[in-house]
Amino acid sequence: MIHDDEETDIPMNDMRAARFHQFGGPEVLQIDRIPVPEPAAGEVLVQVGAVSVNGSELLDRAGRFRLLTGRTTPRQTGLDLVGTVVGHGMGEPTLAAGQQVWGTVREKGGFSSAAEYVVVPEDHLSAAPKSISELEAATLLAGGTTGLRALRDEARIRRGERLLVRGAAGGVGSVVVQLGRVLGAHVTGLARPSSADYVRGLGADEVIDYATPPSDLRLFDVIVDASSAGRHLAYRKRLAPGGRFIALSVDFDHIARELGAIAWSAVHGRQRVRFFRGAPRTELLAEVASLADREAVRPVVDTVYPLASIREAHRRLESGGVQGKLVISIA
């Protein structure tokens, strides 16, 4: 049952949601009308204002996760969200109706945020940044939470260390570059020549053409691979002794080799390989919101699409060359 304050406007019937009924390219996406979900205890109902488009959603839509998530369709899409709390389940909520929040959907519940309303566990949300719009905030969620975990918690990067960000102009990489600068690293970005000025503007000390063979690169203390183009092994060879490699995507074409390298490095390697996933919790979300409000990191909006044009957004991300994030406006 939904509990809400009198002044909030809770929908009692259905809503629009982006879904697909079969696996395939962007053309399988469609806007369906489905019932508004009801929050359980510990959950809130959020009216969604904006979401971003992430590479994992493209993989799910294409069926690359079927061994992990099954083949059942239809499925919704959308991972992160910025919006307004409009109701909550049983119990004492920590987030009040009318509060603007941001966060991610439950990682074991599949994608679902590209919809007018979504149910989210309270510990997957925090207050949204106050100094930027919903559309701008949506560009910092994935990159901010993933980048902070990667650099500070996993790599434990130190001031003055040499950081290489592969995919530096993309939605996650563009925020990782900014966080590397905030944490005092010497940041090198790998990007297309057409994106070089953009990446420098984010705070990179230097930008190298992404087509440069890995063997021509110097050694780095930390490498964050935010690209979905595979070839992790070639870049791992550019780690200095004691270096740390953080993979933010899995090379599905060589999955066994990827997992083997991670396991081997944990036991025997002088260079450590890390891969992690999972939804960020309230504390981490609040930290990134604070960084945004202090202007330590800035939004990275490439293009905003209406929900009805989500096919075009997926197609654009697959084509490459995006600078920052593609955003879906739900309103």
Protein backbone atom coordinates (compact mmCIF):
# COMPACT_ATOMS: atom_id res chain seq x y z
CA MET A 1 0.00 0.00 0.00
CA ILE A 2 1.27 3.52 -0.84
CA HIS A 3 1.46 6.02 1.99
CA ASP A 4 1.74 9.70 1.08
CA ASP A 5 1.14 13.24 2.23
CA GLU A 6 -2.15 14.88 1.21
CA GLU A 7 -0.49 17.43 -1.06
CA THR A 8 1.33 14.88 -3.24
CA ASP A 9 -0.26 13.66 -6.46
CA ILE A 10 -0.06 9.87 -6.56
CA PRO A 11 -1.13 8.19 -9.81
CA MET A 12 -3.74 5.50 -9.25
CA ASN A 13 -3.64 3.70 -12.59
CA ASP A 14 -0.81 3.38 -15.10
CA MET A 15 2.32 5.07 -16.40
CA ARG A 16 4.66 5.18 -19.40
CA ALA A 17 7.77 3.00 -19.29
CA ALA A 18 10.50 2.09 -21.80
CA ARG A 19 10.52 -1.67 -22.39
CA PHE A 20 11.52 -4.31 -24.91
CA HIS A 21 9.68 -7.55 -25.69
CA GLN A 22 12.58 -9.27 -27.44
CA PHE A 23 16.36 -8.90 -27.46
CA GLY A 24 17.95 -6.93 -30.26
CA GLY A 25 18.98 -3.49 -31.43
CA PRO A 26 17.53 -0.12 -30.39
CA GLU A 27 14.50 -0.76 -32.60
CA VAL A 28 13.10 -3.27 -30.06
CA LEU A 29 12.54 -0.50 -27.50
CA GLN A 30 9.01 0.82 -27.16
CA ILE A 31 6.99 2.95 -24.76
CA ASP A 32 4.36 0.83 -22.98
CA ARG A 33 1.70 1.72 -20.48
CA ILE A 34 2.01 -0.43 -17.36
CA PRO A 35 0.70 -0.24 -13.78
CA VAL A 36 2.42 2.14 -11.39
CA PRO A 37 4.48 -0.02 -8.97
CA GLU A 38 3.72 -0.06 -5.25
CA PRO A 39 6.53 0.32 -2.71
CA ALA A 40 7.07 -2.30 -0.04
CA ALA A 41 8.51 -1.67 3.42
CA GLY A 42 11.81 0.21 3.15
CA GLU A 43 11.02 1.43 -0.36
CA VAL A 44 9.81 4.72 -1.80
CA LEU A 45 7.90 5.62 -4.93
CA VAL A 46 9.76 8.20 -7.00
CA GLN A 47 8.33 10.34 -9.78
CA VAL A 48 11.24 10.27 -12.24
CA GLY A 49 12.45 13.48 -13.83
CA ALA A 50 15.55 12.31 -15.70
CA VAL A 51 17.72 9.25 -16.29
CA SER A 52 20.94 8.71 -18.20
CA VAL A 53 21.72 6.04 -20.78
CA ASN A 54 24.40 3.56 -19.69
CA GLY A 55 26.34 0.92 -21.56
CA SER A 56 25.01 -1.87 -19.35
CA GLU A 57 21.47 -1.10 -20.53
CA LEU A 58 22.55 -1.55 -24.15
CA LEU A 59 24.09 -4.92 -23.29
CA ASP A 60 20.95 -6.04 -21.47
CA ARG A 61 18.73 -4.99 -24.38
CA ALA A 62 20.99 -6.88 -26.81
CA GLY A 63 20.76 -10.04 -24.69
CA ARG A 64 24.37 -10.11 -23.50
CA PHE A 65 23.26 -10.68 -19.88
CA ARG A 66 20.91 -13.58 -20.61
CA LEU A 67 23.09 -16.17 -18.86
CA LEU A 68 22.95 -14.07 -15.70
CA THR A 69 19.45 -12.62 -15.80
CA GLY A 70 17.49 -15.16 -17.87
CA ARG A 71 15.57 -14.77 -21.10
CA THR A 72 12.26 -13.52 -19.74
CA THR A 73 10.69 -10.55 -21.51
CA PRO A 74 9.25 -7.95 -21.56
CA ARG A 75 11.89 -6.01 -19.66
CA GLN A 76 12.20 -2.41 -18.67
CA THR A 77 15.36 -0.40 -19.09
CA GLY A 78 17.11 2.37 -17.14
CA LEU A 79 19.57 2.16 -14.25
CA ASP A 80 19.87 5.54 -12.51
CA LEU A 81 17.38 8.31 -11.82
CA VAL A 82 16.79 11.79 -10.49
CA GLY A 83 13.29 12.61 -9.29
CA THR A 84 10.89 13.40 -6.46
CA VAL A 85 9.62 11.16 -3.66
CA VAL A 86 5.82 10.86 -3.88
CA GLY A 87 5.07 7.91 -1.61
CA HIS A 88 6.51 5.18 0.59
CA GLY A 89 5.78 1.71 1.89
CA MET A 90 5.03 0.64 5.45
CA GLY A 91 7.35 1.85 8.17
CA GLU A 92 9.03 5.12 9.07
CA PRO A 93 10.58 6.69 5.95
CA THR A 94 13.81 8.67 6.06
CA LEU A 95 13.00 10.43 2.79
CA ALA A 96 9.99 12.73 2.90
CA ALA A 97 7.36 13.12 0.19
CA GLY A 98 8.29 16.04 -2.03
CA GLN A 99 12.06 15.60 -1.51
CA GLN A 100 14.25 15.61 -4.62
CA VAL A 101 16.46 12.52 -4.70
CA TRP A 102 18.86 10.65 -6.93
CA GLY A 103 20.13 7.09 -7.00
CA THR A 104 19.86 3.73 -8.73
CA VAL A 105 17.34 0.91 -8.90
CA ARG A 106 17.88 -2.35 -7.05
CA GLU A 107 20.72 -4.23 -8.77
CA LYS A 108 19.07 -7.66 -8.47
CA GLY A 109 15.73 -6.37 -9.67
CA GLY A 110 16.85 -5.49 -13.18
CA PHE A 111 16.63 -2.18 -14.99
CA SER A 112 13.49 -0.09 -14.55
CA SER A 113 14.21 3.63 -14.10
CA ALA A 114 13.27 4.84 -17.61
CA ALA A 115 9.65 5.26 -16.57
CA GLU A 116 7.41 7.91 -15.10
CA TYR A 117 7.48 6.24 -11.67
CA VAL A 118 9.82 3.73 -10.08
CA VAL A 119 10.07 1.96 -6.73
CA VAL A 120 13.52 2.22 -5.13
CA PRO A 121 14.96 0.98 -1.81
CA GLU A 122 15.63 3.97 0.43
CA ASP A 123 19.28 2.99 0.88
CA HIS A 124 19.77 3.31 -2.90
CA LEU A 125 18.92 7.01 -2.75
CA SER A 126 20.15 10.27 -1.26
CA ALA A 127 19.21 13.92 -1.54
CA ALA A 128 20.03 15.15 -5.05
CA PRO A 129 22.49 18.01 -5.64
CA LYS A 130 20.82 21.35 -4.95
CA SER A 131 22.87 23.53 -7.29
CA ILE A 132 22.14 21.80 -10.62
CA SER A 133 19.05 20.68 -12.52
CA GLU A 134 17.66 17.16 -12.69
CA LEU A 135 18.92 16.79 -16.26
CA GLU A 136 22.43 17.87 -15.22
CA ALA A 137 22.46 15.69 -12.10
CA ALA A 138 21.62 12.61 -14.16
CA THR A 139 25.00 12.92 -15.91
CA LEU A 140 26.98 12.60 -12.67
CA LEU A 141 25.39 9.56 -11.06
CA ALA A 142 27.11 6.66 -12.83
CA GLY A 143 30.45 8.36 -13.36
CA GLY A 144 30.57 9.99 -9.93
CA THR A 145 29.76 6.95 -7.83
CA THR A 146 31.74 4.51 -9.98
CA GLY A 147 34.71 6.84 -10.34
CA LEU A 148 34.95 7.65 -6.63
CA ARG A 149 34.86 3.97 -5.72
CA ALA A 150 37.38 3.11 -8.43
CA LEU A 151 39.95 5.77 -7.66
CA ARG A 152 39.64 6.29 -3.92
CA ASP A 153 38.42 2.96 -2.56
CA GLU A 154 39.70 0.35 -5.03
CA ALA A 155 42.89 1.86 -6.49
CA ARG A 156 43.59 4.06 -3.44
CA ILE A 157 45.20 6.56 -5.73
CA ARG A 158 47.74 8.96 -4.20
CA ARG A 159 48.57 12.54 -5.06
CA GLY A 160 51.05 12.79 -7.92
CA GLU A 161 50.42 9.27 -9.25
CA ARG A 162 50.01 8.82 -13.00
CA LEU A 163 46.43 8.01 -13.97
CA LEU A 164 45.31 6.84 -17.41
CA VAL A 165 41.58 7.02 -18.20
CA ARG A 166 40.54 5.03 -21.24
CA GLY A 167 37.25 6.29 -22.67
CA ALA A 168 37.92 9.71 -21.14
CA ALA A 169 35.25 11.55 -23.14
CA GLY A 170 32.44 9.11 -22.36
CA GLY A 171 29.73 9.34 -19.74
CA VAL A 172 31.73 7.63 -16.98
CA GLY A 173 35.25 8.51 -18.14
CA SER A 174 34.50 12.23 -18.29
CA VAL A 175 33.65 12.22 -14.58
CA VAL A 176 36.60 9.94 -13.70
CA VAL A 177 38.93 12.50 -15.29
CA GLN A 178 37.48 15.20 -13.05
CA LEU A 179 37.75 13.05 -9.94
CA GLY A 180 41.36 12.17 -10.77
CA ARG A 181 42.12 15.89 -10.85
CA VAL A 182 40.30 16.41 -7.52
CA LEU A 183 42.34 13.60 -5.92
CA GLY A 184 45.62 15.12 -7.11
CA ALA A 185 46.64 12.64 -9.83
CA HIS A 186 48.43 13.47 -13.06
CA VAL A 187 45.62 12.62 -15.47
CA THR A 188 46.08 11.34 -19.03
CA GLY A 189 42.96 10.74 -21.10
CA LEU A 190 42.56 8.43 -24.08
CA ALA A 191 39.97 9.87 -26.47
CA ARG A 192 39.22 10.65 -30.09
CA PRO A 193 41.13 13.67 -31.46
CA SER A 194 37.80 15.48 -31.88
CA SER A 195 37.24 15.18 -28.11
CA ALA A 196 40.73 16.28 -27.03
CA ASP A 197 39.78 19.86 -26.12
CA TYR A 198 36.71 18.63 -24.26
CA VAL A 199 38.77 16.22 -22.13
CA ARG A 200 41.40 18.87 -21.39
CA GLY A 201 38.59 21.15 -20.29
CA LEU A 202 37.59 18.54 -17.73
CA GLY A 203 41.03 18.79 -16.13
CA ALA A 204 43.19 16.23 -17.95
CA ASP A 205 46.88 17.13 -18.00
CA GLU A 206 47.26 15.51 -21.41
CA VAL A 207 45.11 13.74 -23.98
CA ILE A 208 46.32 10.95 -26.26
CA ASP A 209 44.58 9.68 -29.40
CA TYR A 210 42.61 6.57 -28.44
CA ALA A 211 43.93 4.83 -31.58
CA THR A 212 47.51 4.94 -30.25
CA PRO A 213 48.76 1.35 -29.81
CA PRO A 214 48.96 0.47 -26.10
CA SER A 215 52.59 -0.57 -26.57
CA ASP A 216 53.44 3.06 -27.44
CA LEU A 217 52.14 4.38 -24.11
CA ARG A 218 54.27 5.05 -21.05
CA LEU A 219 53.67 3.19 -17.77
CA PHE A 220 50.98 4.34 -15.35
CA ASP A 221 50.34 3.81 -11.65
CA VAL A 222 46.58 3.50 -12.10
CA ILE A 223 44.58 2.71 -15.24
CA VAL A 224 40.81 3.07 -15.24
CA ASP A 225 39.29 1.43 -18.30
CA ALA A 226 35.89 3.01 -18.91
CA SER A 227 35.72 1.83 -22.51
CA SER A 228 33.51 -0.99 -23.75
CA ALA A 229 35.89 -1.79 -26.61
CA GLY A 230 37.66 -4.72 -24.91
CA ARG A 231 41.46 -5.20 -25.22
CA HIS A 232 41.93 -4.93 -21.44
CA LEU A 233 44.97 -7.20 -21.51
CA ALA A 234 46.93 -4.88 -23.81
CA TYR A 235 46.37 -1.94 -21.48
CA ARG A 236 47.12 -3.90 -18.32
CA LYS A 237 50.66 -4.31 -19.69
CA ARG A 238 51.11 -0.53 -19.30
CA LEU A 239 50.98 -0.72 -15.51
CA ALA A 240 54.08 0.27 -13.55
CA PRO A 241 55.25 -2.11 -10.79
CA GLY A 242 52.66 -1.95 -8.04
CA GLY A 243 50.14 -0.43 -10.45
CA ARG A 244 46.40 -1.00 -10.25
CA PHE A 245 44.04 -1.66 -13.16
CA ILE A 246 40.32 -0.95 -12.69
CA ALA A 247 37.98 -2.40 -15.32
CA LEU A 248 34.60 -0.69 -15.38
CA SER A 249 33.26 -3.01 -18.07
CA VAL A 250 33.71 -6.67 -18.93
CA ASP A 251 35.14 -7.84 -22.24
CA PHE A 252 32.32 -10.31 -23.01
CA ASP A 253 34.20 -11.68 -26.00
CA HIS A 254 36.96 -12.92 -23.68
CA ILE A 255 35.09 -13.35 -20.39
CA ALA A 256 37.02 -16.41 -19.17
CA ARG A 257 40.35 -14.68 -19.74
CA GLU A 258 39.08 -11.56 -17.98
CA LEU A 259 38.00 -13.40 -14.85
CA GLY A 260 41.15 -15.51 -14.85
CA ALA A 261 43.37 -12.42 -14.97
CA ILE A 262 41.54 -10.87 -12.04
CA ALA A 263 41.88 -14.05 -9.95
CA TRP A 264 45.55 -14.53 -10.86
CA SER A 265 46.47 -10.95 -10.02
CA ALA A 266 44.85 -11.20 -6.61
CA VAL A 267 47.18 -14.07 -5.67
CA HIS A 268 50.38 -13.63 -7.67
CA GLY A 269 50.39 -10.32 -9.48
CA ARG A 270 52.60 -7.32 -8.78
CA GLN A 271 49.91 -5.28 -10.50
CA ARG A 272 46.39 -5.63 -9.17
CA VAL A 273 43.36 -5.96 -11.42
CA ARG A 274 39.96 -4.93 -10.09
CA PHE A 275 36.45 -5.23 -11.44
CA PHE A 276 33.37 -4.28 -9.45
CA ARG A 277 29.66 -3.69 -9.85
CA GLY A 278 26.66 -3.06 -7.65
CA ALA A 279 24.40 -0.17 -6.80
CA PRO A 280 25.88 2.63 -4.69
CA ARG A 281 24.34 3.32 -1.31
CA THR A 282 23.19 6.54 0.36
CA GLU A 283 26.56 7.60 1.79
CA LEU A 284 28.38 7.41 -1.55
CA LEU A 285 25.54 9.15 -3.39
CA ALA A 286 25.60 11.95 -0.81
CA GLU A 287 29.37 12.36 -1.26
CA VAL A 288 29.01 12.81 -5.01
CA ALA A 289 26.12 15.25 -4.47
CA SER A 290 28.41 17.27 -2.20
CA LEU A 291 31.15 17.31 -4.85
CA ALA A 292 28.63 18.60 -7.39
CA ASP A 293 27.34 21.31 -5.07
CA ARG A 294 30.93 22.43 -4.35
CA GLU A 295 31.56 22.51 -8.13
CA ALA A 296 34.44 20.04 -7.71
CA VAL A 297 32.84 18.10 -10.56
CA ARG A 298 30.59 19.54 -13.22
CA PRO A 299 27.77 18.01 -15.27
CA VAL A 300 28.64 16.46 -18.63
CA VAL A 301 25.50 16.72 -20.77
CA ASP A 302 25.91 15.68 -24.40
CA THR A 303 22.28 15.51 -25.58
CA VAL A 304 18.84 15.39 -23.93
CA TYR A 305 16.13 13.18 -25.45
CA PRO A 306 12.45 12.81 -24.50
CA LEU A 307 11.36 9.40 -23.29
CA ALA A 308 9.63 8.78 -26.61
CA SER A 309 13.02 9.04 -28.36
CA ILE A 310 14.88 6.51 -26.22
CA ARG A 311 15.59 4.40 -29.32
CA GLU A 312 17.54 7.30 -30.81
CA ALA A 313 19.49 7.71 -27.57
CA HIS A 314 20.50 4.04 -27.52
CA ARG A 315 21.44 4.21 -31.19
CA ARG A 316 23.57 7.31 -30.60
CA LEU A 317 25.46 5.75 -27.68
CA GLU A 318 26.18 2.62 -29.74
CA SER A 319 27.56 4.73 -32.59
CA GLY A 320 30.28 6.24 -30.36
CA GLY A 321 31.74 9.71 -30.19
CA VAL A 322 29.55 10.86 -27.29
CA GLN A 323 31.04 13.59 -25.08
CA GLY A 324 29.62 13.07 -21.61
CA LYS A 325 26.17 11.63 -21.02
CA LEU A 326 23.02 11.14 -23.01
CA VAL A 327 20.02 12.05 -20.84
CA ILE A 328 16.39 10.98 -21.06
CA SER A 329 13.90 13.61 -19.88
CA ILE A 330 10.87 11.76 -18.50
CA ALA A 331 8.57 14.75 -18.09
